[in-house]
Amino acid sequence: MKGSLLQRQVISERKKRRLVFYTLFVVAFLYIVVNLVGDNGLFKYLELRNKKISIEAEITLLIEENKRLRSQIEAFRGDPFYIEKQAREDLGLARPDEYIFEYEK
């Protein structure tokens, strides 16, 4: 009788330990899931990463455009033929003795 009582106590203690272990495991798992899905979680990280990539691409495009504009400014400052070319193409200007023919595309 004494042996079976001790055996039941041991089994009861094992069940309690398992219950505590599984409860802690479930609580820890829920905590991790909530942090991954929460306001500053995984989805926010992915959104910010995509935004960073698009901003970096935009910065690259702006840097290239800035280089192009700087070279255009230098051409305007030092090349009178470039100035004349731009005036003819962009503004449609001509010399007094010239005629301009425009074709529709």
PDB file of N, CA and C in Angstrom:
ATOM      1  N   MET A   1       0.814  -1.175   0.000  1.00  0.00           N
ATOM      2  CA  MET A   1       0.000   0.000   0.000  1.00  0.00           C
ATOM      3  C   MET A   1       0.872   1.260   0.000  1.00  0.00           C
ATOM      4  N   LYS A   2       1.938   1.193   0.794  1.00  0.00           N
ATOM      5  CA  LYS A   2       2.821   2.336   0.889  1.00  0.00           C
ATOM      6  C   LYS A   2       3.540   2.579  -0.427  1.00  0.00           C
ATOM      7  N   GLY A   3       3.910   1.517  -1.144  1.00  0.00           N
ATOM      8  CA  GLY A   3       4.599   1.627  -2.409  1.00  0.00           C
ATOM      9  C   GLY A   3       3.709   2.239  -3.482  1.00  0.00           C
ATOM     10  N   SER A   4       2.430   1.870  -3.482  1.00  0.00           N
ATOM     11  CA  SER A   4       1.544   2.405  -4.504  1.00  0.00           C
ATOM     12  C   SER A   4       1.227   3.874  -4.235  1.00  0.00           C
ATOM     13  N   LEU A   5       1.176   4.270  -2.971  1.00  0.00           N
ATOM     14  CA  LEU A   5       0.948   5.678  -2.623  1.00  0.00           C
ATOM     15  C   LEU A   5       2.138   6.512  -3.068  1.00  0.00           C
ATOM     16  N   LEU A   6       3.322   6.020  -2.838  1.00  0.00           N
ATOM     17  CA  LEU A   6       4.526   6.720  -3.279  1.00  0.00           C
ATOM     18  C   LEU A   6       4.585   6.794  -4.800  1.00  0.00           C
ATOM     19  N   GLN A   7       4.199   5.712  -5.439  1.00  0.00           N
ATOM     20  CA  GLN A   7       4.205   5.685  -6.898  1.00  0.00           C
ATOM     21  C   GLN A   7       3.190   6.690  -7.456  1.00  0.00           C
ATOM     22  N   ARG A   8       2.003   6.807  -6.832  1.00  0.00           N
ATOM     23  CA  ARG A   8       1.006   7.777  -7.279  1.00  0.00           C
ATOM     24  C   ARG A   8       1.487   9.201  -7.057  1.00  0.00           C
ATOM     25  N   GLN A   9       2.198   9.436  -5.995  1.00  0.00           N
ATOM     26  CA  GLN A   9       2.743  10.771  -5.732  1.00  0.00           C
ATOM     27  C   GLN A   9       3.793  11.149  -6.782  1.00  0.00           C
ATOM     28  N   VAL A  10       4.641  10.194  -7.134  1.00  0.00           N
ATOM     29  CA  VAL A  10       5.668  10.435  -8.143  1.00  0.00           C
ATOM     30  C   VAL A  10       5.004  10.741  -9.488  1.00  0.00           C
ATOM     31  N   ILE A  11       3.988   9.961  -9.847  1.00  0.00           N
ATOM     32  CA  ILE A  11       3.275  10.193 -11.099  1.00  0.00           C
ATOM     33  C   ILE A  11       2.583  11.551 -11.073  1.00  0.00           C
ATOM     34  N   SER A  12       2.004  11.905  -9.948  1.00  0.00           N
ATOM     35  CA  SER A  12       1.335  13.205  -9.806  1.00  0.00           C
ATOM     36  C   SER A  12       2.343  14.354  -9.942  1.00  0.00           C
ATOM     37  N   GLU A  13       3.504  14.202  -9.363  1.00  0.00           N
ATOM     38  CA  GLU A  13       4.558  15.230  -9.474  1.00  0.00           C
ATOM     39  C   GLU A  13       5.037  15.362 -10.919  1.00  0.00           C
ATOM     40  N   ARG A  14       5.196  14.235 -11.612  1.00  0.00           N
ATOM     41  CA  ARG A  14       5.606  14.284 -13.017  1.00  0.00           C
ATOM     42  C   ARG A  14       4.559  15.017 -13.864  1.00  0.00           C
ATOM     43  N   LYS A  15       3.269  14.741 -13.610  1.00  0.00           N
ATOM     44  CA  LYS A  15       2.206  15.411 -14.343  1.00  0.00           C
ATOM     45  C   LYS A  15       2.237  16.921 -14.081  1.00  0.00           C
ATOM     46  N   LYS A  16       2.467  17.298 -12.834  1.00  0.00           N
ATOM     47  CA  LYS A  16       2.536  18.725 -12.495  1.00  0.00           C
ATOM     48  C   LYS A  16       3.720  19.388 -13.195  1.00  0.00           C
ATOM     49  N   ARG A  17       4.864  18.721 -13.218  1.00  0.00           N
ATOM     50  CA  ARG A  17       6.041  19.271 -13.891  1.00  0.00           C
ATOM     51  C   ARG A  17       5.797  19.422 -15.390  1.00  0.00           C
ATOM     52  N   ARG A  18       5.181  18.386 -15.978  1.00  0.00           N
ATOM     53  CA  ARG A  18       4.864  18.479 -17.407  1.00  0.00           C
ATOM     54  C   ARG A  18       3.901  19.634 -17.686  1.00  0.00           C
ATOM     55  N   LEU A  19       2.895  19.781 -16.826  1.00  0.00           N
ATOM     56  CA  LEU A  19       1.927  20.857 -16.986  1.00  0.00           C
ATOM     57  C   LEU A  19       2.617  22.218 -16.891  1.00  0.00           C
ATOM     58  N   VAL A  20       3.517  22.368 -15.920  1.00  0.00           N
ATOM     59  CA  VAL A  20       4.254  23.622 -15.770  1.00  0.00           C
ATOM     60  C   VAL A  20       5.138  23.855 -16.995  1.00  0.00           C
ATOM     61  N   PHE A  21       5.835  22.829 -17.452  1.00  0.00           N
ATOM     62  CA  PHE A  21       6.710  22.954 -18.610  1.00  0.00           C
ATOM     63  C   PHE A  21       5.914  23.346 -19.858  1.00  0.00           C
ATOM     64  N   TYR A  22       4.819  22.637 -20.124  1.00  0.00           N
ATOM     65  CA  TYR A  22       4.024  22.949 -21.312  1.00  0.00           C
ATOM     66  C   TYR A  22       3.371  24.325 -21.208  1.00  0.00           C
ATOM     67  N   THR A  23       2.964  24.715 -20.010  1.00  0.00           N
ATOM     68  CA  THR A  23       2.378  26.047 -19.825  1.00  0.00           C
ATOM     69  C   THR A  23       3.417  27.124 -20.121  1.00  0.00           C
ATOM     70  N   LEU A  24       4.633  26.957 -19.592  1.00  0.00           N
ATOM     71  CA  LEU A  24       5.697  27.915 -19.867  1.00  0.00           C
ATOM     72  C   LEU A  24       6.052  27.934 -21.347  1.00  0.00           C
ATOM     73  N   PHE A  25       6.067  26.760 -21.974  1.00  0.00           N
ATOM     74  CA  PHE A  25       6.358  26.684 -23.401  1.00  0.00           C
ATOM     75  C   PHE A  25       5.304  27.429 -24.224  1.00  0.00           C
ATOM     76  N   VAL A  26       4.032  27.219 -23.899  1.00  0.00           N
ATOM     77  CA  VAL A  26       2.949  27.882 -24.623  1.00  0.00           C
ATOM     78  C   VAL A  26       3.007  29.393 -24.405  1.00  0.00           C
ATOM     79  N   VAL A  27       3.258  29.831 -23.175  1.00  0.00           N
ATOM     80  CA  VAL A  27       3.352  31.267 -22.881  1.00  0.00           C
ATOM     81  C   VAL A  27       4.521  31.887 -23.638  1.00  0.00           C
ATOM     82  N   ALA A  28       5.660  31.224 -23.646  1.00  0.00           N
ATOM     83  CA  ALA A  28       6.819  31.741 -24.378  1.00  0.00           C
ATOM     84  C   ALA A  28       6.537  31.782 -25.882  1.00  0.00           C
ATOM     85  N   PHE A  29       5.894  30.750 -26.405  1.00  0.00           N
ATOM     86  CA  PHE A  29       5.548  30.722 -27.823  1.00  0.00           C
ATOM     87  C   PHE A  29       4.587  31.853 -28.171  1.00  0.00           C
ATOM     88  N   LEU A  30       3.579  32.065 -27.354  1.00  0.00           N
ATOM     89  CA  LEU A  30       2.633  33.162 -27.591  1.00  0.00           C
ATOM     90  C   LEU A  30       3.325  34.516 -27.522  1.00  0.00           C
ATOM     91  N   TYR A  31       4.250  34.672 -26.601  1.00  0.00           N
ATOM     92  CA  TYR A  31       5.002  35.925 -26.486  1.00  0.00           C
ATOM     93  C   TYR A  31       5.807  36.193 -27.760  1.00  0.00           C
ATOM     94  N   ILE A  32       6.459  35.163 -28.264  1.00  0.00           N
ATOM     95  CA  ILE A  32       7.248  35.308 -29.495  1.00  0.00           C
ATOM     96  C   ILE A  32       6.336  35.639 -30.674  1.00  0.00           C
ATOM     97  N   VAL A  33       5.221  34.967 -30.791  1.00  0.00           N
ATOM     98  CA  VAL A  33       4.292  35.219 -31.894  1.00  0.00           C
ATOM     99  C   VAL A  33       3.750  36.647 -31.822  1.00  0.00           C
ATOM    100  N   VAL A  34       3.372  37.088 -30.636  1.00  0.00           N
ATOM    101  CA  VAL A  34       2.847  38.449 -30.478  1.00  0.00           C
ATOM    102  C   VAL A  34       3.910  39.471 -30.857  1.00  0.00           C
ATOM    103  N   ASN A  35       5.151  39.247 -30.482  1.00  0.00           N
ATOM    104  CA  ASN A  35       6.222  40.182 -30.836  1.00  0.00           C
ATOM    105  C   ASN A  35       6.519  40.163 -32.326  1.00  0.00           C
ATOM    106  N   LEU A  36       6.385  39.021 -32.975  1.00  0.00           N
ATOM    107  CA  LEU A  36       6.616  38.961 -34.414  1.00  0.00           C
ATOM    108  C   LEU A  36       5.511  39.663 -35.195  1.00  0.00           C
ATOM    109  N   VAL A  37       4.299  39.568 -34.719  1.00  0.00           N
ATOM    110  CA  VAL A  37       3.166  40.120 -35.447  1.00  0.00           C
ATOM    111  C   VAL A  37       2.809  41.521 -34.961  1.00  0.00           C
ATOM    112  N   GLY A  38       3.256  41.920 -33.817  1.00  0.00           N
ATOM    113  CA  GLY A  38       2.866  43.200 -33.222  1.00  0.00           C
ATOM    114  C   GLY A  38       3.317  44.414 -34.010  1.00  0.00           C
ATOM    115  N   ASP A  39       3.153  45.587 -33.436  1.00  0.00           N
ATOM    116  CA  ASP A  39       3.451  46.858 -34.081  1.00  0.00           C
ATOM    117  C   ASP A  39       4.890  46.952 -34.564  1.00  0.00           C
ATOM    118  N   ASN A  40       5.831  46.497 -33.802  1.00  0.00           N
ATOM    119  CA  ASN A  40       7.241  46.569 -34.184  1.00  0.00           C
ATOM    120  C   ASN A  40       7.788  45.200 -34.542  1.00  0.00           C
ATOM    121  N   GLY A  41       6.944  44.366 -35.064  1.00  0.00           N
ATOM    122  CA  GLY A  41       7.334  42.996 -35.344  1.00  0.00           C
ATOM    123  C   GLY A  41       7.837  42.776 -36.751  1.00  0.00           C
ATOM    124  N   LEU A  42       7.663  41.559 -37.186  1.00  0.00           N
ATOM    125  CA  LEU A  42       8.189  41.110 -38.470  1.00  0.00           C
ATOM    126  C   LEU A  42       7.583  41.869 -39.642  1.00  0.00           C
ATOM    127  N   PHE A  43       6.272  42.087 -39.610  1.00  0.00           N
ATOM    128  CA  PHE A  43       5.621  42.777 -40.719  1.00  0.00           C
ATOM    129  C   PHE A  43       6.088  44.216 -40.836  1.00  0.00           C
ATOM    130  N   LYS A  44       6.273  44.868 -39.711  1.00  0.00           N
ATOM    131  CA  LYS A  44       6.786  46.243 -39.724  1.00  0.00           C
ATOM    132  C   LYS A  44       8.210  46.250 -40.272  1.00  0.00           C
ATOM    133  N   TYR A  45       9.010  45.279 -39.885  1.00  0.00           N
ATOM    134  CA  TYR A  45      10.379  45.177 -40.383  1.00  0.00           C
ATOM    135  C   TYR A  45      10.386  45.018 -41.903  1.00  0.00           C
ATOM    136  N   LEU A  46       9.554  44.116 -42.422  1.00  0.00           N
ATOM    137  CA  LEU A  46       9.502  43.892 -43.863  1.00  0.00           C
ATOM    138  C   LEU A  46       9.035  45.148 -44.599  1.00  0.00           C
ATOM    139  N   GLU A  47       8.060  45.838 -44.043  1.00  0.00           N
ATOM    140  CA  GLU A  47       7.577  47.076 -44.649  1.00  0.00           C
ATOM    141  C   GLU A  47       8.686  48.132 -44.690  1.00  0.00           C
ATOM    142  N   LEU A  48       9.394  48.287 -43.583  1.00  0.00           N
ATOM    143  CA  LEU A  48      10.478  49.274 -43.522  1.00  0.00           C
ATOM    144  C   LEU A  48      11.633  48.896 -44.447  1.00  0.00           C
ATOM    145  N   ARG A  49      11.907  47.609 -44.574  1.00  0.00           N
ATOM    146  CA  ARG A  49      12.981  47.165 -45.460  1.00  0.00           C
ATOM    147  C   ARG A  49      12.646  47.483 -46.916  1.00  0.00           C
ATOM    148  N   ASN A  50      11.395  47.228 -47.305  1.00  0.00           N
ATOM    149  CA  ASN A  50      10.979  47.541 -48.677  1.00  0.00           C
ATOM    150  C   ASN A  50      11.011  49.045 -48.927  1.00  0.00           C
ATOM    151  N   LYS A  51      10.620  49.813 -47.931  1.00  0.00           N
ATOM    152  CA  LYS A  51      10.659  51.266 -48.065  1.00  0.00           C
ATOM    153  C   LYS A  51      12.102  51.751 -48.206  1.00  0.00           C
ATOM    154  N   LYS A  52      13.017  51.151 -47.449  1.00  0.00           N
ATOM    155  CA  LYS A  52      14.434  51.510 -47.539  1.00  0.00           C
ATOM    156  C   LYS A  52      14.979  51.214 -48.930  1.00  0.00           C
ATOM    157  N   ILE A  53      14.622  50.071 -49.482  1.00  0.00           N
ATOM    158  CA  ILE A  53      15.093  49.697 -50.813  1.00  0.00           C
ATOM    159  C   ILE A  53      14.582  50.684 -51.855  1.00  0.00           C
ATOM    160  N   SER A  54      13.306  51.071 -51.757  1.00  0.00           N
ATOM    161  CA  SER A  54      12.767  52.008 -52.742  1.00  0.00           C
ATOM    162  C   SER A  54      13.389  53.391 -52.585  1.00  0.00           C
ATOM    163  N   ILE A  55      13.659  53.816 -51.365  1.00  0.00           N
ATOM    164  CA  ILE A  55      14.297  55.119 -51.144  1.00  0.00           C
ATOM    165  C   ILE A  55      15.731  55.102 -51.663  1.00  0.00           C
ATOM    166  N   GLU A  56      16.447  54.003 -51.453  1.00  0.00           N
ATOM    167  CA  GLU A  56      17.809  53.903 -51.978  1.00  0.00           C
ATOM    168  C   GLU A  56      17.819  53.954 -53.504  1.00  0.00           C
ATOM    169  N   ALA A  57      16.842  53.319 -54.142  1.00  0.00           N
ATOM    170  CA  ALA A  57      16.751  53.366 -55.607  1.00  0.00           C
ATOM    171  C   ALA A  57      16.455  54.790 -56.073  1.00  0.00           C
ATOM    172  N   GLU A  58      15.589  55.470 -55.346  1.00  0.00           N
ATOM    173  CA  GLU A  58      15.269  56.858 -55.697  1.00  0.00           C
ATOM    174  C   GLU A  58      16.493  57.761 -55.520  1.00  0.00           C
ATOM    175  N   ILE A  59      17.253  57.519 -54.472  1.00  0.00           N
ATOM    176  CA  ILE A  59      18.478  58.306 -54.245  1.00  0.00           C
ATOM    177  C   ILE A  59      19.462  58.083 -55.389  1.00  0.00           C
ATOM    178  N   THR A  60      19.596  56.840 -55.833  1.00  0.00           N
ATOM    179  CA  THR A  60      20.496  56.541 -56.946  1.00  0.00           C
ATOM    180  C   THR A  60      20.067  57.286 -58.204  1.00  0.00           C
ATOM    181  N   LEU A  61      18.769  57.285 -58.489  1.00  0.00           N
ATOM    182  CA  LEU A  61      18.266  58.012 -59.654  1.00  0.00           C
ATOM    183  C   LEU A  61      18.523  59.511 -59.530  1.00  0.00           C
ATOM    184  N   LEU A  62      18.328  60.049 -58.334  1.00  0.00           N
ATOM    185  CA  LEU A  62      18.560  61.479 -58.128  1.00  0.00           C
ATOM    186  C   LEU A  62      20.034  61.842 -58.260  1.00  0.00           C
ATOM    187  N   ILE A  63      20.904  60.958 -57.811  1.00  0.00           N
ATOM    188  CA  ILE A  63      22.344  61.212 -57.953  1.00  0.00           C
ATOM    189  C   ILE A  63      22.723  61.233 -59.425  1.00  0.00           C
ATOM    190  N   GLU A  64      22.173  60.292 -60.193  1.00  0.00           N
ATOM    191  CA  GLU A  64      22.462  60.268 -61.634  1.00  0.00           C
ATOM    192  C   GLU A  64      21.921  61.515 -62.323  1.00  0.00           C
ATOM    193  N   GLU A  65      20.715  61.923 -61.953  1.00  0.00           N
ATOM    194  CA  GLU A  65      20.144  63.132 -62.550  1.00  0.00           C
ATOM    195  C   GLU A  65      20.965  64.363 -62.157  1.00  0.00           C
ATOM    196  N   ASN A  66      21.439  64.387 -60.927  1.00  0.00           N
ATOM    197  CA  ASN A  66      22.266  65.500 -60.455  1.00  0.00           C
ATOM    198  C   ASN A  66      23.562  65.587 -61.263  1.00  0.00           C
ATOM    199  N   LYS A  67      24.191  64.437 -61.545  1.00  0.00           N
ATOM    200  CA  LYS A  67      25.409  64.423 -62.375  1.00  0.00           C
ATOM    201  C   LYS A  67      25.122  64.952 -63.772  1.00  0.00           C
ATOM    202  N   ARG A  68      23.989  64.509 -64.345  1.00  0.00           N
ATOM    203  CA  ARG A  68      23.622  64.953 -65.687  1.00  0.00           C
ATOM    204  C   ARG A  68      23.393  66.460 -65.716  1.00  0.00           C
ATOM    205  N   LEU A  69      22.706  66.968 -64.706  1.00  0.00           N
ATOM    206  CA  LEU A  69      22.442  68.411 -64.657  1.00  0.00           C
ATOM    207  C   LEU A  69      23.725  69.212 -64.446  1.00  0.00           C
ATOM    208  N   ARG A  70      24.633  68.680 -63.626  1.00  0.00           N
ATOM    209  CA  ARG A  70      25.917  69.376 -63.424  1.00  0.00           C
ATOM    210  C   ARG A  70      26.711  69.453 -64.731  1.00  0.00           C
ATOM    211  N   SER A  71      26.714  68.361 -65.490  1.00  0.00           N
ATOM    212  CA  SER A  71      27.441  68.396 -66.762  1.00  0.00           C
ATOM    213  C   SER A  71      26.757  69.345 -67.734  1.00  0.00           C
ATOM    214  N   GLN A  72      25.436  69.421 -67.685  1.00  0.00           N
ATOM    215  CA  GLN A  72      24.711  70.354 -68.540  1.00  0.00           C
ATOM    216  C   GLN A  72      25.027  71.799 -68.146  1.00  0.00           C
ATOM    217  N   ILE A  73      25.119  72.066 -66.872  1.00  0.00           N
ATOM    218  CA  ILE A  73      25.481  73.417 -66.400  1.00  0.00           C
ATOM    219  C   ILE A  73      26.870  73.791 -66.880  1.00  0.00           C
ATOM    220  N   GLU A  74      27.801  72.847 -66.763  1.00  0.00           N
ATOM    221  CA  GLU A  74      29.163  73.116 -67.242  1.00  0.00           C
ATOM    222  C   GLU A  74      29.170  73.392 -68.749  1.00  0.00           C
ATOM    223  N   ALA A  75      28.359  72.672 -69.496  1.00  0.00           N
ATOM    224  CA  ALA A  75      28.287  72.903 -70.941  1.00  0.00           C
ATOM    225  C   ALA A  75      27.710  74.283 -71.232  1.00  0.00           C
ATOM    226  N   PHE A  76      26.702  74.687 -70.474  1.00  0.00           N
ATOM    227  CA  PHE A  76      26.132  76.022 -70.661  1.00  0.00           C
ATOM    228  C   PHE A  76      27.150  77.117 -70.335  1.00  0.00           C
ATOM    229  N   ARG A  77      27.979  76.876 -69.347  1.00  0.00           N
ATOM    230  CA  ARG A  77      28.959  77.890 -68.938  1.00  0.00           C
ATOM    231  C   ARG A  77      30.091  78.055 -69.941  1.00  0.00           C
ATOM    232  N   GLY A  78      30.480  76.987 -70.582  1.00  0.00           N
ATOM    233  CA  GLY A  78      31.695  77.076 -71.372  1.00  0.00           C
ATOM    234  C   GLY A  78      31.559  76.817 -72.856  1.00  0.00           C
ATOM    235  N   ASP A  79      30.402  76.391 -73.352  1.00  0.00           N
ATOM    236  CA  ASP A  79      30.304  76.005 -74.753  1.00  0.00           C
ATOM    237  C   ASP A  79      29.190  76.798 -75.433  1.00  0.00           C
ATOM    238  N   PRO A  80      29.525  77.824 -76.211  1.00  0.00           N
ATOM    239  CA  PRO A  80      28.482  78.625 -76.871  1.00  0.00           C
ATOM    240  C   PRO A  80      27.703  77.814 -77.920  1.00  0.00           C
ATOM    241  N   PHE A  81      28.328  76.812 -78.504  1.00  0.00           N
ATOM    242  CA  PHE A  81      27.616  75.981 -79.472  1.00  0.00           C
ATOM    243  C   PHE A  81      26.530  75.151 -78.793  1.00  0.00           C
ATOM    244  N   TYR A  82      26.802  74.716 -77.572  1.00  0.00           N
ATOM    245  CA  TYR A  82      25.803  73.967 -76.804  1.00  0.00           C
ATOM    246  C   TYR A  82      24.619  74.863 -76.468  1.00  0.00           C
ATOM    247  N   ILE A  83      24.902  76.101 -76.106  1.00  0.00           N
ATOM    248  CA  ILE A  83      23.828  77.043 -75.800  1.00  0.00           C
ATOM    249  C   ILE A  83      22.956  77.247 -77.043  1.00  0.00           C
ATOM    250  N   GLU A  84      23.590  77.422 -78.174  1.00  0.00           N
ATOM    251  CA  GLU A  84      22.838  77.621 -79.412  1.00  0.00           C
ATOM    252  C   GLU A  84      22.009  76.381 -79.752  1.00  0.00           C
ATOM    253  N   LYS A  85      22.597  75.223 -79.587  1.00  0.00           N
ATOM    254  CA  LYS A  85      21.887  73.971 -79.874  1.00  0.00           C
ATOM    255  C   LYS A  85      20.647  73.836 -79.001  1.00  0.00           C
ATOM    256  N   GLN A  86      20.799  74.124 -77.711  1.00  0.00           N
ATOM    257  CA  GLN A  86      19.661  74.018 -76.796  1.00  0.00           C
ATOM    258  C   GLN A  86      18.587  75.049 -77.126  1.00  0.00           C
ATOM    259  N   ALA A  87      18.998  76.254 -77.485  1.00  0.00           N
ATOM    260  CA  ALA A  87      18.031  77.289 -77.846  1.00  0.00           C
ATOM    261  C   ALA A  87      17.255  76.867 -79.092  1.00  0.00           C
ATOM    262  N   ARG A  88      17.921  76.259 -80.026  1.00  0.00           N
ATOM    263  CA  ARG A  88      17.248  75.815 -81.244  1.00  0.00           C
ATOM    264  C   ARG A  88      16.290  74.659 -80.959  1.00  0.00           C
ATOM    265  N   GLU A  89      16.752  73.678 -80.205  1.00  0.00           N
ATOM    266  CA  GLU A  89      15.941  72.479 -79.961  1.00  0.00           C
ATOM    267  C   GLU A  89      14.807  72.733 -78.978  1.00  0.00           C
ATOM    268  N   ASP A  90      15.117  73.340 -77.856  1.00  0.00           N
ATOM    269  CA  ASP A  90      14.119  73.481 -76.801  1.00  0.00           C
ATOM    270  C   ASP A  90      13.171  74.651 -77.042  1.00  0.00           C
ATOM    271  N   LEU A  91      13.678  75.748 -77.526  1.00  0.00           N
ATOM    272  CA  LEU A  91      12.868  76.954 -77.661  1.00  0.00           C
ATOM    273  C   LEU A  91      12.408  77.214 -79.084  1.00  0.00           C
ATOM    274  N   GLY A  92      12.942  76.477 -80.039  1.00  0.00           N
ATOM    275  CA  GLY A  92      12.548  76.662 -81.427  1.00  0.00           C
ATOM    276  C   GLY A  92      13.064  77.955 -82.032  1.00  0.00           C
ATOM    277  N   LEU A  93      14.160  78.451 -81.532  1.00  0.00           N
ATOM    278  CA  LEU A  93      14.723  79.696 -82.042  1.00  0.00           C
ATOM    279  C   LEU A  93      15.522  79.443 -83.318  1.00  0.00           C
ATOM    280  N   ALA A  94      15.631  80.495 -84.110  1.00  0.00           N
ATOM    281  CA  ALA A  94      16.408  80.396 -85.351  1.00  0.00           C
ATOM    282  C   ALA A  94      17.094  81.727 -85.595  1.00  0.00           C
ATOM    283  N   ARG A  95      18.083  81.682 -86.447  1.00  0.00           N
ATOM    284  CA  ARG A  95      18.749  82.921 -86.850  1.00  0.00           C
ATOM    285  C   ARG A  95      17.816  83.686 -87.803  1.00  0.00           C
ATOM    286  N   PRO A  96      18.069  84.971 -87.984  1.00  0.00           N
ATOM    287  CA  PRO A  96      17.151  85.762 -88.828  1.00  0.00           C
ATOM    288  C   PRO A  96      17.042  85.250 -90.262  1.00  0.00           C
ATOM    289  N   ASP A  97      18.041  84.648 -90.825  1.00  0.00           N
ATOM    290  CA  ASP A  97      17.984  84.208 -92.213  1.00  0.00           C
ATOM    291  C   ASP A  97      17.634  82.721 -92.362  1.00  0.00           C
ATOM    292  N   GLU A  98      17.147  82.068 -91.296  1.00  0.00           N
ATOM    293  CA  GLU A  98      16.836  80.641 -91.337  1.00  0.00           C
ATOM    294  C   GLU A  98      15.334  80.411 -91.296  1.00  0.00           C
ATOM    295  N   TYR A  99      14.919  79.300 -91.865  1.00  0.00           N
ATOM    296  CA  TYR A  99      13.532  78.848 -91.786  1.00  0.00           C
ATOM    297  C   TYR A  99      13.512  77.538 -91.007  1.00  0.00           C
ATOM    298  N   ILE A 100      12.452  77.364 -90.211  1.00  0.00           N
ATOM    299  CA  ILE A 100      12.322  76.145 -89.413  1.00  0.00           C
ATOM    300  C   ILE A 100      11.166  75.326 -89.975  1.00  0.00           C
ATOM    301  N   PHE A 101      11.431  74.084 -90.283  1.00  0.00           N
ATOM    302  CA  PHE A 101      10.405  73.155 -90.742  1.00  0.00           C
ATOM    303  C   PHE A 101      10.175  72.127 -89.641  1.00  0.00           C
ATOM    304  N   GLU A 102       8.945  72.045 -89.191  1.00  0.00           N
ATOM    305  CA  GLU A 102       8.601  71.070 -88.152  1.00  0.00           C
ATOM    306  C   GLU A 102       7.716  70.011 -88.766  1.00  0.00           C
ATOM    307  N   TYR A 103       8.029  68.767 -88.485  1.00  0.00           N
ATOM    308  CA  TYR A 103       7.271  67.632 -89.010  1.00  0.00           C
ATOM    309  C   TYR A 103       6.561  66.967 -87.851  1.00  0.00           C
ATOM    310  N   GLU A 104       5.324  66.567 -88.111  1.00  0.00           N
ATOM    311  CA  GLU A 104       4.566  65.835 -87.094  1.00  0.00           C
ATOM    312  C   GLU A 104       4.971  64.374 -87.130  1.00  0.00           C
ATOM    313  N   LYS A 105       5.063  63.791 -85.999  1.00  0.00           N
ATOM    314  CA  LYS A 105       5.463  62.379 -85.910  1.00  0.00           C
ATOM    315  C   LYS A 105       4.271  61.508 -85.696  1.00  0.00           C
TER     316      LYS A 105
END
